[in-house]
Amino acid sequence: MEPAKKESVEVICPRCRYTQIVTLPMDDLPRCPQCKTRMSISELLDEGKSY
């Protein structure tokens, strides 16, 4: 079985809008350190992206 590919994603708290970058795969999404709400995926961070 191949090792799972790790991808960076930006997660955001729907309540206070706190953002954080985490690496997937992981068991589940983290909780916001400020208000303890489950965070949701805001953006997939692909390499080579420029603004």
C-alpha atoms as a PDB file:
ATOM      1  CA  MET A   1       0.000   0.000   0.000  1.00  0.00           C
ATOM      2  CA  GLU A   2       1.341   3.444  -0.922  1.00  0.00           C
ATOM      3  CA  PRO A   3       1.852   6.084   1.773  1.00  0.00           C
ATOM      4  CA  ALA A   4      -0.823   8.763   1.704  1.00  0.00           C
ATOM      5  CA  LYS A   5       0.147  11.985  -0.001  1.00  0.00           C
ATOM      6  CA  LYS A   6       0.229  14.964   2.361  1.00  0.00           C
ATOM      7  CA  GLU A   7      -1.487  18.137   1.251  1.00  0.00           C
ATOM      8  CA  SER A   8      -1.604  21.520   2.939  1.00  0.00           C
ATOM      9  CA  VAL A   9      -5.011  23.083   3.443  1.00  0.00           C
ATOM     10  CA  GLU A  10      -6.176  26.305   5.026  1.00  0.00           C
ATOM     11  CA  VAL A  11      -8.887  25.830   7.651  1.00  0.00           C
ATOM     12  CA  ILE A  12     -11.108  28.574   9.026  1.00  0.00           C
ATOM     13  CA  CYS A  13     -13.333  28.901  12.073  1.00  0.00           C
ATOM     14  CA  PRO A  14     -16.915  29.657  10.987  1.00  0.00           C
ATOM     15  CA  ARG A  15     -17.581  31.609  14.184  1.00  0.00           C
ATOM     16  CA  CYS A  16     -14.562  33.915  14.734  1.00  0.00           C
ATOM     17  CA  ARG A  17     -12.853  33.572  11.285  1.00  0.00           C
ATOM     18  CA  TYR A  18      -9.522  32.403  12.772  1.00  0.00           C
ATOM     19  CA  THR A  19      -7.449  30.738  10.034  1.00  0.00           C
ATOM     20  CA  GLN A  20      -4.716  28.138  10.238  1.00  0.00           C
ATOM     21  CA  ILE A  21      -2.750  25.988   7.784  1.00  0.00           C
ATOM     22  CA  VAL A  22      -2.703  22.243   8.496  1.00  0.00           C
ATOM     23  CA  THR A  23      -1.372  19.214   6.638  1.00  0.00           C
ATOM     24  CA  LEU A  24      -3.754  16.419   5.618  1.00  0.00           C
ATOM     25  CA  PRO A  25      -4.295  13.494   5.889  1.00  0.00           C
ATOM     26  CA  MET A  26      -5.336  13.613   9.500  1.00  0.00           C
ATOM     27  CA  ASP A  27      -8.124  12.003  11.502  1.00  0.00           C
ATOM     28  CA  ASP A  28     -10.369  15.059  11.636  1.00  0.00           C
ATOM     29  CA  LEU A  29     -10.214  18.811  11.370  1.00  0.00           C
ATOM     30  CA  PRO A  30      -8.831  20.766  14.350  1.00  0.00           C
ATOM     31  CA  ARG A  31     -10.817  22.891  16.770  1.00  0.00           C
ATOM     32  CA  CYS A  32     -10.369  26.652  16.917  1.00  0.00           C
ATOM     33  CA  PRO A  33      -7.977  27.586  19.780  1.00  0.00           C
ATOM     34  CA  GLN A  34     -10.015  30.723  20.527  1.00  0.00           C
ATOM     35  CA  CYS A  35     -13.656  29.564  20.603  1.00  0.00           C
ATOM     36  CA  LYS A  36     -13.338  25.727  20.453  1.00  0.00           C
ATOM     37  CA  THR A  37     -15.572  25.390  17.370  1.00  0.00           C
ATOM     38  CA  ARG A  38     -14.735  22.721  14.766  1.00  0.00           C
ATOM     39  CA  MET A  39     -12.925  24.396  11.868  1.00  0.00           C
ATOM     40  CA  SER A  40     -13.785  23.827   8.200  1.00  0.00           C
ATOM     41  CA  ILE A  41     -11.653  23.743   5.044  1.00  0.00           C
ATOM     42  CA  SER A  42     -11.330  27.155   3.449  1.00  0.00           C
ATOM     43  CA  GLU A  43      -8.843  26.504   0.654  1.00  0.00           C
ATOM     44  CA  LEU A  44      -6.642  23.749  -0.750  1.00  0.00           C
ATOM     45  CA  LEU A  45      -3.083  25.058  -1.019  1.00  0.00           C
ATOM     46  CA  ASP A  46      -1.471  23.760  -4.205  1.00  0.00           C
ATOM     47  CA  GLU A  47       2.187  24.291  -4.965  1.00  0.00           C
ATOM     48  CA  GLY A  48       3.041  26.884  -7.564  1.00  0.00           C
ATOM     49  CA  LYS A  49       0.075  29.105  -6.821  1.00  0.00           C
ATOM     50  CA  SER A  50       0.781  32.821  -7.082  1.00  0.00           C
ATOM     51  CA  TYR A  51      -1.268  35.924  -6.324  1.00  0.00           C
END
